[in-house]
Amino acid sequence: MPHAGVPTARRAAPRPALVVAVLSSVGLVASLCMTLVVPVIPQLPRLLDTTTATASWVITATLLAGAVATPIAGRLGDMLGKRRVLLATLALLVLGSVLCAVTDALLPVLVGRALQGVAVSAVPLGISLMRDTLPAARLGSGIALMSATLGIGGGLGLPLSAVIVEVADWHALFWVAGGLGLAGLLLVGLVIPETTTRSGGRFDGVGAVGLSIGLIGLLLALSKGSEWGWTSATTLGSAGVAVVALLAWGVYELRTTDPLVDLRLNARRAVLLPNLISIPVGVAMFTGMVVFPQLLSAPLSSGHGLGLSLLAAGLVLAPNGLVMMLMSPVTARISAKAGPRTSLRVGLVVIAVAYAASTVLLTAAWQIAVVISVVGAGVALAYGALPALIMRALPTTRTAAANGLNTLMRSIGTSTASALAAVVLSASTIPVEGTLVPSLGALRTTLLIAAGCAVLALLVSFWVPSLPEPDAGADTDTDTDTDEAAPALLRGRVLHDHGAPAAGARVTLVDHDGRQLSVSPVDTDGAFAADPGPHRPVLLIAGLAGARPAAVHVVPGQDTLDRPVVLSPTER
């Protein structure tokens, strides 16, 4: 029986290439759902018999559900098993797709779109499953591809959806999404093994509610600010609720034993900075998907528009997703040879240069196709490096929650991109054929903002510490910051006094101040792998119903106990 905290023996040892293909495909399906209804946005008020403002919630519901579900699903994955939670999110995607496909009413569509949004959690869960399942030689390329699916789905989703709408009823969008989700559900169930890498503990319901309120308030202000008015009471109220809720949530998380998000662990420089970098990278990635469609579809009479149909514009942008997919192995090779920090920095430079050049490459569709392809290459490099950096700073029992938080930061970045673009593009418009279109100057300004975000992220990247690869030697970056290294799991066994494994026992780590650091389950053979987080435990306490608790002093730097922890019965 494998030790708790150690990846379980693989069922018939699935081939690494198959694991990568299955997990990446479900990540791609989940991200496709985020842009699924873009081609029918103008028709939604008529299709759903509602107003334009109300119909926009079909997009917003998916965004909010994904943002709220991602950190929650990550924590549940660490506690209960990542494969199990991944299957649950895919089942919700299928349910939501079917619900949308069989109705013309607004409320069921909103519910269905929210259920689809939950599936974005598949990306961080898939990355964590790869860490538990893949051999070291395949881990880098697998994570790079899985991480890039967030961008690939957005890049490929628009042209795919446009084609479907051209040849079929709009409900076909959801039937296709449901079919792809069902296929992914079956493949994960058949191919991907569950691991015994669990953090244990209880689910932080209060923290989940607090974070949800804060995120909903923040994302509503960002996504609806241009519609409500940036200085309106509704927008300012949403932002105010977000600030108060997130501050209160942070205080609570620091005081609770089993937090939804371990803020102390995530405040470490090796984790905090990659998460912060994810926000401007998300802005840079999504800016092109907001700006270029408007330029491509603007009438020729505007003087700068290219007058393309939605389908043609989608095909021009399609290379973005394809390039991101093809760049994943390149990202892995660069990270393997020079470290993920180098891959991140190269990607950010590529993004900045591409957006700066795009300000003079806006006169032909092929120019935009080239620019968006180069941006896609840079995003693939950056997105592939970020989870690799974060996982080097964390124990395996915290990877799903940490990757969920990183995905959330990217979502905040994409929402910020939409808000920024709305402000800049609406500030300078020209009347064309009875409608207002953004001026060429506004388009260029928005693209320069995206370039500036990439430069900002590049500057911050120089403060990201270099850490050795998990279970491997140090990478080739030279300025290693050993103080930021991920704490090792403390391993050992708990036995009854007659020598039998104390299955079902719990192991608690305590620090110098008497603070409980973690609670870990004991496996059926008595083995455990306790996670101290970023702290230094001094005492290990093993407990089991019907037995006296046993305490063992933990030697600093010790990763395996010298002898088993022995429990004796309360009555002899």
Protein backbone atom coordinates (compact mmCIF):
# COMPACT_ATOMS: atom_id res chain seq x y z
CA MET A 1 0.00 0.00 0.00
CA PRO A 2 1.47 3.41 -0.90
CA HIS A 3 2.19 5.93 1.80
CA ALA A 4 -0.28 8.74 2.28
CA GLY A 5 0.98 11.82 0.50
CA VAL A 6 2.78 9.73 -2.12
CA PRO A 7 1.26 9.24 -5.59
CA THR A 8 -0.48 5.93 -5.74
CA ALA A 9 0.65 3.13 -8.00
CA ARG A 10 -0.79 3.80 -11.42
CA ARG A 11 -3.57 1.55 -12.65
CA ALA A 12 -1.88 -0.46 -15.39
CA ALA A 13 0.57 2.47 -15.67
CA PRO A 14 -1.22 4.62 -18.28
CA ARG A 15 1.13 5.97 -20.89
CA PRO A 16 2.28 9.54 -20.12
CA ALA A 17 1.28 10.73 -23.60
CA LEU A 18 -2.24 9.43 -23.03
CA VAL A 19 -2.50 11.11 -19.63
CA VAL A 20 -1.40 14.43 -21.14
CA ALA A 21 -3.80 14.07 -24.07
CA VAL A 22 -6.81 13.28 -21.88
CA LEU A 23 -6.23 15.96 -19.27
CA SER A 24 -5.38 18.62 -21.86
CA SER A 25 -8.46 17.79 -23.88
CA VAL A 26 -10.78 18.29 -20.90
CA GLY A 27 -9.02 21.55 -20.09
CA LEU A 28 -9.57 22.64 -23.67
CA VAL A 29 -13.27 21.75 -23.54
CA ALA A 30 -13.70 23.66 -20.28
CA SER A 31 -12.02 26.78 -21.66
CA LEU A 32 -14.02 26.55 -24.91
CA CYS A 33 -17.18 26.98 -22.87
CA MET A 34 -16.03 30.42 -21.73
CA THR A 35 -16.31 31.84 -25.29
CA LEU A 36 -18.96 29.47 -26.57
CA VAL A 37 -21.79 31.97 -26.98
CA VAL A 38 -19.76 34.91 -28.33
CA PRO A 39 -21.08 34.48 -31.92
CA VAL A 40 -24.71 34.73 -30.77
CA ILE A 41 -24.34 37.61 -28.30
CA PRO A 42 -26.10 40.11 -30.61
CA GLN A 43 -29.03 37.68 -31.06
CA LEU A 44 -29.40 36.66 -27.40
CA PRO A 45 -32.01 39.30 -26.49
CA ARG A 46 -34.26 38.02 -29.29
CA LEU A 47 -33.47 34.33 -28.73
CA LEU A 48 -34.15 34.54 -24.99
CA ASP A 49 -36.91 37.16 -25.17
CA THR A 50 -35.14 39.58 -22.87
CA THR A 51 -33.26 42.88 -22.85
CA THR A 52 -29.68 43.36 -24.01
CA ALA A 53 -28.50 44.15 -20.46
CA THR A 54 -30.13 41.03 -19.04
CA ALA A 55 -28.86 38.82 -21.86
CA SER A 56 -25.28 39.87 -21.06
CA TRP A 57 -25.58 37.79 -17.88
CA VAL A 58 -25.23 34.69 -20.08
CA ILE A 59 -21.55 35.62 -20.30
CA THR A 60 -21.22 37.02 -16.79
CA ALA A 61 -22.74 33.93 -15.12
CA THR A 62 -20.01 31.72 -16.57
CA LEU A 63 -17.28 34.12 -15.52
CA LEU A 64 -18.55 34.41 -11.93
CA ALA A 65 -19.15 30.68 -11.49
CA GLY A 66 -15.69 29.83 -12.79
CA ALA A 67 -13.99 32.36 -10.53
CA VAL A 68 -15.84 31.15 -7.42
CA ALA A 69 -15.54 27.44 -8.18
CA THR A 70 -11.85 27.32 -9.07
CA PRO A 71 -10.29 27.86 -5.61
CA ILE A 72 -13.05 25.78 -3.98
CA ALA A 73 -12.55 22.87 -6.38
CA GLY A 74 -8.80 23.10 -5.87
CA ARG A 75 -9.12 22.78 -2.11
CA LEU A 76 -11.61 19.91 -2.42
CA GLY A 77 -9.23 18.20 -4.85
CA ASP A 78 -6.40 18.37 -2.32
CA MET A 79 -8.70 17.04 0.40
CA LEU A 80 -10.78 14.39 -1.39
CA GLY A 81 -8.82 13.49 -4.51
CA LYS A 82 -8.20 15.53 -7.65
CA ARG A 83 -9.56 12.95 -10.10
CA ARG A 84 -12.80 12.67 -8.14
CA VAL A 85 -13.35 16.43 -8.13
CA LEU A 86 -12.36 16.69 -11.80
CA LEU A 87 -15.01 14.12 -12.70
CA ALA A 88 -17.58 16.10 -10.72
CA THR A 89 -16.77 19.36 -12.56
CA LEU A 90 -17.04 17.62 -15.94
CA ALA A 91 -20.38 16.14 -14.94
CA LEU A 92 -21.61 19.65 -14.11
CA LEU A 93 -20.38 20.86 -17.51
CA VAL A 94 -22.40 18.15 -19.25
CA LEU A 95 -25.46 18.91 -17.12
CA GLY A 96 -25.20 22.63 -17.81
CA SER A 97 -24.74 22.07 -21.54
CA VAL A 98 -27.83 19.87 -21.79
CA LEU A 99 -29.85 22.35 -19.75
CA CYS A 100 -28.94 25.17 -22.16
CA ALA A 101 -29.52 22.97 -25.22
CA VAL A 102 -33.13 22.08 -24.41
CA THR A 103 -34.52 25.51 -23.52
CA ASP A 104 -35.21 28.98 -24.89
CA ALA A 105 -35.86 30.49 -21.45
CA LEU A 106 -33.40 32.88 -19.81
CA LEU A 107 -33.23 31.41 -16.29
CA PRO A 108 -32.35 27.81 -17.31
CA VAL A 109 -29.72 29.16 -19.70
CA LEU A 110 -28.16 31.23 -16.91
CA VAL A 111 -28.08 28.21 -14.61
CA GLY A 112 -26.62 26.04 -17.37
CA ARG A 113 -23.95 28.59 -18.22
CA ALA A 114 -22.99 28.84 -14.53
CA LEU A 115 -22.60 25.06 -14.39
CA GLN A 116 -20.41 25.22 -17.49
CA GLY A 117 -18.27 27.85 -15.78
CA VAL A 118 -17.51 25.51 -12.88
CA ALA A 119 -15.60 23.29 -15.31
CA VAL A 120 -12.79 25.83 -15.70
CA SER A 121 -11.51 24.16 -12.50
CA ALA A 122 -10.46 21.28 -14.77
CA VAL A 123 -7.30 23.19 -15.68
CA PRO A 124 -5.72 23.54 -12.20
CA LEU A 125 -6.94 20.06 -11.22
CA GLY A 126 -5.40 18.63 -14.39
CA ILE A 127 -2.07 20.34 -13.72
CA SER A 128 -1.99 18.88 -10.21
CA LEU A 129 -2.91 15.41 -11.46
CA MET A 130 -0.03 15.61 -13.91
CA ARG A 131 2.37 16.36 -11.09
CA ASP A 132 1.09 13.30 -9.22
CA THR A 133 1.01 10.98 -12.25
CA LEU A 134 3.61 11.85 -14.87
CA PRO A 135 7.30 10.94 -14.77
CA ALA A 136 9.66 13.89 -14.37
CA ALA A 137 10.74 13.74 -18.02
CA ARG A 138 7.19 14.38 -19.26
CA LEU A 139 5.97 16.71 -16.53
CA GLY A 140 7.22 19.99 -17.99
CA SER A 141 5.66 19.60 -21.42
CA GLY A 142 2.43 18.26 -19.92
CA ILE A 143 2.02 21.19 -17.55
CA ALA A 144 2.87 23.68 -20.29
CA LEU A 145 0.17 22.28 -22.57
CA MET A 146 -2.42 21.99 -19.79
CA SER A 147 -1.76 25.54 -18.63
CA ALA A 148 -1.98 26.87 -22.18
CA THR A 149 -5.43 25.35 -22.72
CA LEU A 150 -6.92 28.41 -21.00
CA GLY A 151 -5.69 30.50 -23.90
CA ILE A 152 -6.06 27.84 -26.59
CA GLY A 153 -9.74 27.42 -25.81
CA GLY A 154 -10.34 31.15 -26.17
CA GLY A 155 -8.37 31.25 -29.42
CA LEU A 156 -10.14 28.31 -31.03
CA GLY A 157 -13.54 28.81 -29.43
CA LEU A 158 -14.55 31.85 -31.48
CA PRO A 159 -14.03 30.37 -34.98
CA LEU A 160 -15.43 26.98 -33.94
CA SER A 161 -18.55 28.55 -32.47
CA ALA A 162 -18.96 30.79 -35.51
CA VAL A 163 -18.85 27.76 -37.82
CA ILE A 164 -21.43 25.89 -35.73
CA VAL A 165 -23.79 28.86 -35.72
CA GLU A 166 -23.37 29.24 -39.49
CA VAL A 167 -24.53 25.67 -40.20
CA ALA A 168 -26.93 24.87 -37.33
CA ASP A 169 -29.31 26.25 -34.73
CA TRP A 170 -27.71 28.06 -31.77
CA HIS A 171 -28.66 25.18 -29.47
CA ALA A 172 -26.09 23.08 -31.34
CA LEU A 173 -23.38 25.01 -29.51
CA PHE A 174 -24.45 23.40 -26.27
CA TRP A 175 -25.02 19.94 -27.70
CA VAL A 176 -21.45 20.00 -29.03
CA ALA A 177 -20.11 21.23 -25.67
CA GLY A 178 -22.09 18.56 -23.82
CA GLY A 179 -20.85 15.82 -26.15
CA LEU A 180 -17.24 16.92 -25.73
CA GLY A 181 -17.69 17.14 -21.96
CA LEU A 182 -19.18 13.64 -21.82
CA ALA A 183 -16.30 12.25 -23.88
CA GLY A 184 -13.84 13.92 -21.49
CA LEU A 185 -15.71 12.54 -18.49
CA LEU A 186 -15.47 8.99 -19.82
CA LEU A 187 -11.81 9.33 -20.78
CA VAL A 188 -10.82 10.67 -17.36
CA GLY A 189 -12.72 7.84 -15.69
CA LEU A 190 -11.03 5.21 -17.85
CA VAL A 191 -7.49 6.57 -18.13
CA ILE A 192 -6.56 8.82 -15.22
CA PRO A 193 -5.72 7.14 -11.90
CA GLU A 194 -6.59 8.69 -8.57
CA THR A 195 -3.70 9.39 -6.22
CA THR A 196 -3.48 9.18 -2.45
CA THR A 197 -1.86 12.61 -2.21
CA ARG A 198 -4.34 14.21 0.17
CA SER A 199 -4.07 17.09 2.60
CA GLY A 200 -6.86 15.92 4.89
CA GLY A 201 -8.56 18.38 7.21
CA ARG A 202 -12.04 19.91 7.04
CA PHE A 203 -13.56 22.04 4.33
CA ASP A 204 -13.59 25.75 5.16
CA GLY A 205 -17.23 26.63 4.42
CA VAL A 206 -17.04 30.08 5.97
CA GLY A 207 -13.95 30.87 3.92
CA ALA A 208 -15.65 29.65 0.75
CA VAL A 209 -18.64 31.94 1.34
CA GLY A 210 -16.44 34.92 2.16
CA LEU A 211 -14.23 34.45 -0.89
CA SER A 212 -17.27 33.97 -3.12
CA ILE A 213 -18.85 37.24 -1.96
CA GLY A 214 -15.59 39.11 -2.46
CA LEU A 215 -14.94 37.67 -5.92
CA ILE A 216 -18.49 38.22 -7.13
CA GLY A 217 -18.36 41.84 -6.02
CA LEU A 218 -14.97 42.40 -7.67
CA LEU A 219 -15.80 40.72 -10.96
CA LEU A 220 -19.22 42.34 -11.18
CA ALA A 221 -17.58 45.75 -10.85
CA LEU A 222 -15.01 44.87 -13.53
CA SER A 223 -17.34 43.15 -15.99
CA LYS A 224 -20.41 45.39 -15.58
CA GLY A 225 -18.74 48.72 -14.83
CA SER A 226 -18.93 49.97 -18.42
CA GLU A 227 -22.61 49.02 -18.60
CA TRP A 228 -23.61 50.38 -15.19
CA GLY A 229 -21.26 53.37 -15.27
CA TRP A 230 -17.90 53.36 -13.52
CA THR A 231 -18.99 55.94 -10.96
CA SER A 232 -22.51 54.58 -10.49
CA ALA A 233 -23.71 53.50 -7.04
CA THR A 234 -24.06 49.91 -8.25
CA THR A 235 -20.48 49.66 -9.50
CA LEU A 236 -18.98 51.42 -6.50
CA GLY A 237 -21.16 49.37 -4.17
CA SER A 238 -20.00 46.12 -5.76
CA ALA A 239 -16.38 47.21 -5.46
CA GLY A 240 -16.93 48.27 -1.84
CA VAL A 241 -18.52 44.95 -0.94
CA ALA A 242 -15.57 43.18 -2.58
CA VAL A 243 -12.99 45.13 -0.57
CA VAL A 244 -14.76 44.62 2.77
CA ALA A 245 -15.52 40.93 2.10
CA LEU A 246 -11.98 40.11 0.94
CA LEU A 247 -10.38 41.90 3.90
CA ALA A 248 -12.65 40.08 6.36
CA TRP A 249 -12.01 36.82 4.52
CA GLY A 250 -8.26 37.33 4.76
CA VAL A 251 -8.40 37.93 8.52
CA TYR A 252 -10.52 34.81 8.98
CA GLU A 253 -8.28 32.65 6.80
CA LEU A 254 -5.24 33.62 8.85
CA ARG A 255 -6.98 32.51 12.04
CA THR A 256 -8.65 29.27 10.97
CA THR A 257 -7.00 25.85 11.23
CA ASP A 258 -7.85 24.47 7.79
CA PRO A 259 -8.19 27.52 5.53
CA LEU A 260 -9.65 27.38 2.05
CA VAL A 261 -6.55 29.25 0.87
CA ASP A 262 -3.41 29.05 3.01
CA LEU A 263 -2.49 32.73 2.88
CA ARG A 264 0.76 32.22 4.75
CA LEU A 265 1.88 29.64 2.21
CA ASN A 266 0.71 31.76 -0.72
CA ALA A 267 2.36 34.88 0.72
CA ARG A 268 5.79 33.35 0.20
CA ARG A 269 7.64 35.20 -2.52
CA ALA A 270 8.02 32.10 -4.69
CA VAL A 271 4.22 31.72 -4.82
CA LEU A 272 2.96 35.30 -4.44
CA LEU A 273 4.92 36.84 -7.30
CA PRO A 274 3.93 34.28 -9.98
CA ASN A 275 0.31 34.75 -8.93
CA LEU A 276 0.61 38.53 -9.19
CA ILE A 277 2.31 38.20 -12.57
CA SER A 278 -0.65 36.13 -13.77
CA ILE A 279 -2.91 39.20 -13.64
CA PRO A 280 -1.03 41.38 -16.18
CA VAL A 281 -0.35 38.30 -18.32
CA GLY A 282 -4.09 37.65 -18.34
CA VAL A 283 -4.67 41.28 -19.36
CA ALA A 284 -2.14 40.97 -22.19
CA MET A 285 -3.55 37.66 -23.42
CA PHE A 286 -7.16 38.79 -23.58
CA THR A 287 -6.61 42.31 -24.91
CA GLY A 288 -5.96 41.01 -28.40
CA MET A 289 -9.14 38.91 -28.28
CA VAL A 290 -11.09 42.09 -27.42
CA VAL A 291 -9.42 44.60 -29.75
CA PHE A 292 -8.69 42.68 -32.95
CA PRO A 293 -12.26 41.42 -33.54
CA GLN A 294 -13.50 45.00 -33.39
CA LEU A 295 -10.89 46.11 -35.91
CA LEU A 296 -11.56 43.16 -38.21
CA SER A 297 -15.33 43.62 -38.19
CA ALA A 298 -15.44 47.45 -38.33
CA PRO A 299 -16.82 48.75 -41.67
CA LEU A 300 -14.36 49.71 -44.40
CA SER A 301 -15.91 53.18 -44.44
CA SER A 302 -14.42 53.81 -40.97
CA GLY A 303 -11.04 54.22 -42.63
CA HIS A 304 -9.32 51.58 -40.54
CA GLY A 305 -11.80 48.69 -40.26
CA LEU A 306 -11.44 45.60 -42.45
CA GLY A 307 -15.14 44.80 -42.83
CA LEU A 308 -14.90 41.05 -42.19
CA SER A 309 -17.74 38.79 -41.10
CA LEU A 310 -17.68 37.16 -37.67
CA LEU A 311 -16.65 33.84 -39.18
CA ALA A 312 -13.84 35.41 -41.23
CA ALA A 313 -12.63 37.38 -38.21
CA GLY A 314 -12.62 34.18 -36.14
CA LEU A 315 -10.51 32.41 -38.74
CA VAL A 316 -7.99 35.28 -38.69
CA LEU A 317 -7.67 34.88 -34.92
CA ALA A 318 -7.61 31.07 -34.95
CA PRO A 319 -3.77 30.84 -35.31
CA ASN A 320 -3.49 32.24 -31.78
CA GLY A 321 -4.79 29.02 -30.25
CA LEU A 322 -2.92 26.77 -32.68
CA VAL A 323 0.40 28.48 -31.98
CA MET A 324 -0.15 28.20 -28.23
CA MET A 325 -0.70 24.47 -28.63
CA LEU A 326 2.41 24.01 -30.76
CA MET A 327 4.55 26.10 -28.38
CA SER A 328 3.88 23.91 -25.34
CA PRO A 329 6.81 21.50 -25.94
CA VAL A 330 9.07 24.47 -26.69
CA THR A 331 8.12 25.98 -23.34
CA ALA A 332 9.01 22.72 -21.61
CA ARG A 333 12.40 22.52 -23.33
CA ILE A 334 13.30 26.10 -22.42
CA SER A 335 12.21 25.52 -18.82
CA ALA A 336 14.20 22.27 -18.63
CA LYS A 337 17.39 23.87 -19.93
CA ALA A 338 17.25 27.35 -18.46
CA GLY A 339 14.53 27.21 -15.80
CA PRO A 340 10.88 28.33 -15.90
CA ARG A 341 11.84 31.88 -14.97
CA THR A 342 13.68 32.16 -18.27
CA SER A 343 10.71 30.76 -20.16
CA LEU A 344 8.46 33.29 -18.41
CA ARG A 345 10.72 36.23 -19.23
CA VAL A 346 11.14 35.23 -22.88
CA GLY A 347 7.37 34.93 -23.18
CA LEU A 348 6.78 38.37 -21.67
CA VAL A 349 9.32 39.98 -23.99
CA VAL A 350 7.62 38.33 -26.98
CA ILE A 351 4.20 39.60 -25.86
CA ALA A 352 5.45 43.17 -25.32
CA VAL A 353 7.23 43.31 -28.69
CA ALA A 354 4.23 41.83 -30.53
CA TYR A 355 1.76 44.34 -29.10
CA ALA A 356 4.13 47.27 -29.66
CA ALA A 357 4.60 46.20 -33.29
CA SER A 358 0.87 45.71 -33.73
CA THR A 359 0.25 49.45 -33.48
CA VAL A 360 1.68 49.79 -37.02
CA LEU A 361 0.44 46.42 -38.33
CA LEU A 362 -3.30 47.02 -38.49
CA THR A 363 -3.94 47.49 -42.19
CA ALA A 364 -4.44 43.88 -43.35
CA ALA A 365 -5.91 40.67 -41.98
CA TRP A 366 -2.66 38.77 -42.50
CA GLN A 367 -0.82 41.30 -40.34
CA ILE A 368 -3.25 40.77 -37.50
CA ALA A 369 -2.98 37.00 -37.92
CA VAL A 370 0.80 37.28 -37.56
CA VAL A 371 0.56 39.53 -34.51
CA ILE A 372 -1.99 37.35 -32.71
CA SER A 373 0.14 34.28 -33.47
CA VAL A 374 3.24 35.88 -31.95
CA VAL A 375 1.20 36.97 -28.92
CA GLY A 376 0.00 33.37 -28.62
CA ALA A 377 3.60 32.13 -28.62
CA GLY A 378 4.50 34.54 -25.83
CA VAL A 379 1.43 33.66 -23.77
CA ALA A 380 2.19 29.95 -24.15
CA LEU A 381 5.71 30.50 -22.80
CA ALA A 382 4.46 32.58 -19.88
CA TYR A 383 1.44 30.45 -19.00
CA GLY A 384 3.48 27.25 -19.18
CA ALA A 385 6.09 28.64 -16.77
CA LEU A 386 3.79 30.04 -14.08
CA PRO A 387 2.42 26.76 -12.63
CA ALA A 388 5.89 25.22 -12.86
CA LEU A 389 7.26 28.04 -10.71
CA ILE A 390 4.46 27.74 -8.18
CA MET A 391 4.68 23.97 -7.81
CA ARG A 392 8.40 24.19 -7.09
CA ALA A 393 7.50 26.14 -3.97
CA LEU A 394 4.76 23.86 -2.67
CA PRO A 395 4.30 20.34 -1.30
CA THR A 396 2.17 18.00 -3.40
CA THR A 397 -0.74 18.19 -0.96
CA ARG A 398 -1.27 21.88 -1.80
CA THR A 399 -0.89 21.92 -5.59
CA ALA A 400 -4.56 21.80 -6.64
CA ALA A 401 -5.54 24.69 -4.37
CA ALA A 402 -2.49 26.71 -5.41
CA ASN A 403 -3.08 26.14 -9.13
CA GLY A 404 -6.73 27.01 -8.61
CA LEU A 405 -5.67 30.34 -7.10
CA ASN A 406 -3.32 30.94 -10.03
CA THR A 407 -6.14 30.25 -12.49
CA LEU A 408 -8.29 32.70 -10.56
CA MET A 409 -5.60 35.38 -10.93
CA ARG A 410 -5.63 34.83 -14.68
CA SER A 411 -9.42 35.21 -14.71
CA ILE A 412 -9.10 38.50 -12.86
CA GLY A 413 -6.59 39.54 -15.51
CA THR A 414 -8.93 38.72 -18.39
CA SER A 415 -11.80 40.54 -16.66
CA THR A 416 -9.53 43.53 -16.15
CA ALA A 417 -8.63 43.44 -19.85
CA SER A 418 -12.29 43.68 -20.80
CA ALA A 419 -12.82 46.57 -18.40
CA LEU A 420 -9.75 48.48 -19.58
CA ALA A 421 -10.64 47.95 -23.22
CA ALA A 422 -14.21 49.12 -22.60
CA VAL A 423 -12.98 52.33 -20.96
CA VAL A 424 -10.37 53.17 -23.59
CA LEU A 425 -12.34 52.15 -26.67
CA SER A 426 -15.53 53.91 -25.58
CA ALA A 427 -13.63 57.12 -24.79
CA SER A 428 -12.79 57.71 -28.45
CA THR A 429 -15.33 56.64 -31.07
CA ILE A 430 -16.37 57.75 -34.54
CA PRO A 431 -19.81 57.48 -36.17
CA VAL A 432 -19.88 55.03 -39.07
CA GLU A 433 -23.01 53.90 -40.91
CA GLY A 434 -25.30 54.83 -38.05
CA THR A 435 -23.21 53.27 -35.30
CA LEU A 436 -20.18 54.16 -33.21
CA VAL A 437 -16.91 52.29 -33.68
CA PRO A 438 -13.65 52.75 -31.75
CA SER A 439 -11.17 55.12 -33.36
CA LEU A 440 -7.82 53.91 -34.61
CA GLY A 441 -6.11 55.89 -31.83
CA ALA A 442 -8.19 54.12 -29.17
CA LEU A 443 -7.32 50.72 -30.62
CA ARG A 444 -3.62 51.55 -30.62
CA THR A 445 -3.77 52.87 -27.05
CA THR A 446 -5.39 49.65 -25.84
CA LEU A 447 -2.70 47.57 -27.54
CA LEU A 448 0.03 49.69 -25.94
CA ILE A 449 -1.58 49.13 -22.52
CA ALA A 450 -1.29 45.37 -23.17
CA ALA A 451 2.38 45.81 -24.06
CA GLY A 452 2.87 47.81 -20.86
CA CYS A 453 1.27 45.02 -18.80
CA ALA A 454 3.76 42.54 -20.26
CA VAL A 455 6.65 44.89 -19.39
CA LEU A 456 5.32 45.28 -15.84
CA ALA A 457 5.11 41.50 -15.44
CA LEU A 458 8.66 41.20 -16.83
CA LEU A 459 10.01 43.61 -14.21
CA VAL A 460 8.28 41.72 -11.39
CA SER A 461 9.66 38.41 -12.70
CA PHE A 462 13.20 39.44 -11.71
CA TRP A 463 12.15 39.14 -8.05
CA VAL A 464 10.83 35.59 -8.45
CA PRO A 465 13.26 33.24 -6.65
CA SER A 466 14.81 30.26 -8.37
CA LEU A 467 13.95 26.94 -6.76
CA PRO A 468 15.03 23.39 -7.56
CA GLU A 469 12.62 21.21 -9.48
CA PRO A 470 10.55 18.94 -7.18
CA ASP A 471 12.29 15.62 -6.59
CA ALA A 472 15.21 16.80 -8.73
CA GLY A 473 18.35 18.86 -8.50
CA ALA A 474 18.42 22.60 -8.83
CA ASP A 475 17.58 24.08 -12.18
CA THR A 476 20.07 26.04 -14.18
CA ASP A 477 19.11 29.42 -12.77
CA THR A 478 22.00 30.54 -10.65
CA ASP A 479 20.54 32.79 -7.97
CA THR A 480 18.90 30.02 -5.98
CA ASP A 481 16.91 31.16 -2.97
CA THR A 482 17.00 28.12 -0.75
CA ASP A 483 14.98 29.77 1.98
CA GLU A 484 11.95 29.67 -0.33
CA ALA A 485 12.20 25.94 -1.00
CA ALA A 486 9.04 23.96 -0.50
CA PRO A 487 8.97 22.22 2.89
CA ALA A 488 9.29 18.47 2.67
CA LEU A 489 6.53 16.18 3.83
CA LEU A 490 7.22 14.54 7.18
CA ARG A 491 6.78 10.79 6.73
CA GLY A 492 6.46 7.93 9.16
CA ARG A 493 4.21 5.16 10.46
CA VAL A 494 1.73 4.85 13.32
CA LEU A 495 1.34 1.41 14.92
CA HIS A 496 -0.58 -0.16 17.77
CA ASP A 497 1.55 -1.41 20.66
CA HIS A 498 1.14 -4.99 19.36
CA GLY A 499 2.68 -3.97 16.03
CA ALA A 500 -0.44 -3.74 13.82
CA PRO A 501 -0.90 -0.61 11.64
CA ALA A 502 -3.05 2.06 13.30
CA ALA A 503 -5.26 2.54 10.25
CA GLY A 504 -7.64 5.48 10.55
CA ALA A 505 -5.47 7.41 12.99
CA ARG A 506 -4.77 11.11 12.53
CA VAL A 507 -1.42 12.87 12.74
CA THR A 508 -1.26 16.51 13.86
CA LEU A 509 1.77 18.78 13.52
CA VAL A 510 2.24 21.58 16.07
CA ASP A 511 4.70 24.49 16.04
CA HIS A 512 6.56 26.28 18.85
CA ASP A 513 3.56 28.47 19.66
CA GLY A 514 1.25 25.48 20.04
CA ARG A 515 -0.46 26.29 16.74
CA GLN A 516 -1.85 23.36 14.78
CA LEU A 517 -0.17 23.28 11.36
CA SER A 518 -1.91 20.36 9.68
CA VAL A 519 -3.91 17.20 10.25
CA SER A 520 -3.10 14.19 8.06
CA PRO A 521 -4.76 10.78 7.74
CA VAL A 522 -2.91 7.52 8.38
CA ASP A 523 -3.07 4.94 5.59
CA THR A 524 -4.22 1.34 5.99
CA ASP A 525 -0.63 0.19 6.47
CA GLY A 526 -0.04 2.85 9.13
CA ALA A 527 1.88 5.21 6.85
CA PHE A 528 1.41 8.98 6.75
CA ALA A 529 2.96 11.99 5.06
CA ALA A 530 2.19 15.13 7.06
CA ASP A 531 2.45 18.53 5.42
CA PRO A 532 3.88 21.31 7.66
CA GLY A 533 3.25 24.01 5.07
CA PRO A 534 5.80 26.84 5.33
CA HIS A 535 6.25 26.32 9.08
CA ARG A 536 8.70 24.36 11.23
CA PRO A 537 6.89 21.73 13.32
CA VAL A 538 8.32 20.75 16.71
CA LEU A 539 5.75 18.20 17.84
CA LEU A 540 3.84 15.39 16.14
CA ILE A 541 0.74 14.05 17.88
CA ALA A 542 -0.91 10.81 16.73
CA GLY A 543 -4.43 10.03 17.85
CA LEU A 544 -7.05 7.32 17.37
CA ALA A 545 -10.35 6.59 19.08
CA GLY A 546 -9.80 4.07 21.88
CA ALA A 547 -6.07 4.82 22.16
CA ARG A 548 -3.95 7.24 24.15
CA PRO A 549 -2.51 10.07 21.99
CA ALA A 550 1.22 9.70 21.38
CA ALA A 551 3.52 12.72 20.97
CA VAL A 552 6.92 12.72 19.24
CA HIS A 553 9.42 15.58 19.06
CA VAL A 554 10.27 16.54 15.48
CA VAL A 555 13.94 17.23 14.75
CA PRO A 556 14.42 20.31 12.50
CA GLY A 557 15.07 19.24 8.91
CA GLN A 558 13.86 15.70 9.57
CA ASP A 559 11.75 14.23 6.77
CA THR A 560 11.30 10.66 8.05
CA LEU A 561 10.77 9.62 11.66
CA ASP A 562 13.47 7.35 13.07
CA ARG A 563 10.94 4.93 14.55
CA PRO A 564 7.19 4.33 14.38
CA VAL A 565 4.79 6.26 16.58
CA VAL A 566 3.20 3.69 18.91
CA LEU A 567 -0.33 3.99 20.29
CA SER A 568 -1.42 2.14 23.40
CA PRO A 569 -5.07 1.46 24.35
CA THR A 570 -6.75 3.68 26.91
CA GLU A 571 -7.58 0.65 29.06
CA ARG A 572 -5.32 -2.34 29.45
